Protein backbone atom coordinates (compact mmCIF):
# COMPACT_ATOMS: atom_id res chain seq x y z
CA MET A 1 8.83 0.95 14.28
CA ASN A 2 6.38 0.65 11.43
CA GLU A 3 6.99 4.29 10.41
CA LEU A 4 10.89 3.14 9.54
CA PHE A 5 9.54 0.25 7.41
CA ARG A 6 7.04 2.43 5.53
CA GLU A 7 9.56 4.21 3.93
CA PHE A 8 10.47 1.26 2.16
CA ILE A 9 7.08 0.11 1.07
CA GLY A 10 7.09 -0.49 -2.97
CA ARG A 11 10.78 -0.80 -2.98
CA GLU A 12 12.91 -3.90 -3.72
CA CYS A 13 14.80 -4.69 -0.23
CA THR A 14 16.87 -7.22 1.36
CA ILE A 15 15.67 -7.83 4.73
CA THR A 16 18.02 -9.64 7.06
CA LEU A 17 17.08 -11.45 10.36
CA VAL A 18 18.60 -12.04 13.62
CA ASP A 19 19.70 -15.57 12.10
CA TYR A 20 21.16 -13.98 9.20
CA VAL A 21 18.71 -15.25 6.99
CA ASP A 22 18.24 -12.91 3.81
CA PHE A 23 14.77 -12.25 2.06
CA VAL A 24 14.94 -10.51 -1.15
CA GLY A 25 11.76 -8.90 -2.63
CA THR A 26 9.45 -5.84 -2.68
CA ILE A 27 7.99 -4.74 0.69
CA GLU A 28 4.20 -4.48 0.28
CA PHE A 29 3.11 -3.40 3.79
CA ALA A 30 4.05 -3.14 7.32
CA THR A 31 1.83 -3.23 10.17
CA ASP A 32 1.43 -4.18 13.74
CA GLY A 33 4.92 -5.35 13.79
CA TRP A 34 4.85 -7.48 10.64
CA VAL A 35 6.34 -7.11 7.38
CA LYS A 36 4.74 -8.56 3.98
CA LEU A 37 7.38 -9.14 1.41
CA LYS A 38 6.75 -10.38 -2.20
CA PRO A 39 9.49 -11.93 -3.71
CA ASP A 40 11.26 -11.06 -7.06
CA GLU A 41 10.49 -14.30 -8.72
CA ASP A 42 7.73 -16.48 -8.77
CA GLY A 43 7.20 -17.74 -4.95
CA ASP A 44 5.15 -17.43 -2.01
CA ALA A 45 5.03 -13.91 -0.12
CA GLU A 46 6.86 -13.99 3.11
CA ILE A 47 5.29 -12.75 6.48
CA ILE A 48 8.03 -11.51 8.76
CA ASN A 49 8.08 -10.50 12.31
CA SER A 50 9.57 -7.10 12.61
CA ARG A 51 11.32 -8.11 16.19
CA TYR A 52 13.65 -10.45 14.08
CA ILE A 53 14.69 -7.87 11.41
CA ILE A 54 18.14 -6.44 12.00
CA SER A 55 18.67 -4.67 8.77
CA ILE A 56 16.89 -3.66 5.52
CA GLN A 57 18.85 -2.61 2.53
CA HIS A 58 17.43 -0.82 -0.56
CA TYR A 59 19.47 -0.86 -3.76
CA THR A 60 19.27 2.34 -5.31
CA SER A 61 20.57 0.79 -8.91
CA PRO A 62 20.25 -2.66 -10.48
CA LYS A 63 24.16 -2.79 -11.09
CA THR A 64 24.60 -2.04 -7.30
CA LYS A 65 22.63 -4.89 -6.35
CA ARG A 66 24.12 -7.39 -8.74
CA GLU A 67 27.63 -6.51 -7.40
CA LYS A 68 26.38 -6.86 -3.98
CA ARG A 69 25.12 -10.38 -4.45
CA LYS A 70 28.29 -11.30 -6.42
CA ALA A 71 29.95 -10.11 -3.20
CA GLY A 72 27.83 -12.44 -0.95
CA PHE A 73 25.80 -9.87 0.75
């Protein structure tokens, strides 16, 4: 599973968990079933158990990201 997460390292992503809570930030590393996410804004880093992740979305352009946020995604 970590191999799938590794392609997102260093990219700004939205991670959605099984309870539909979203975390937005840059993935710093993924190892041993855990993913570390650095937030875009000033804030504490999140360590997320990969068992609870149902999706990871990477936005290719800032415009796409803004449009998705406005739409409620």
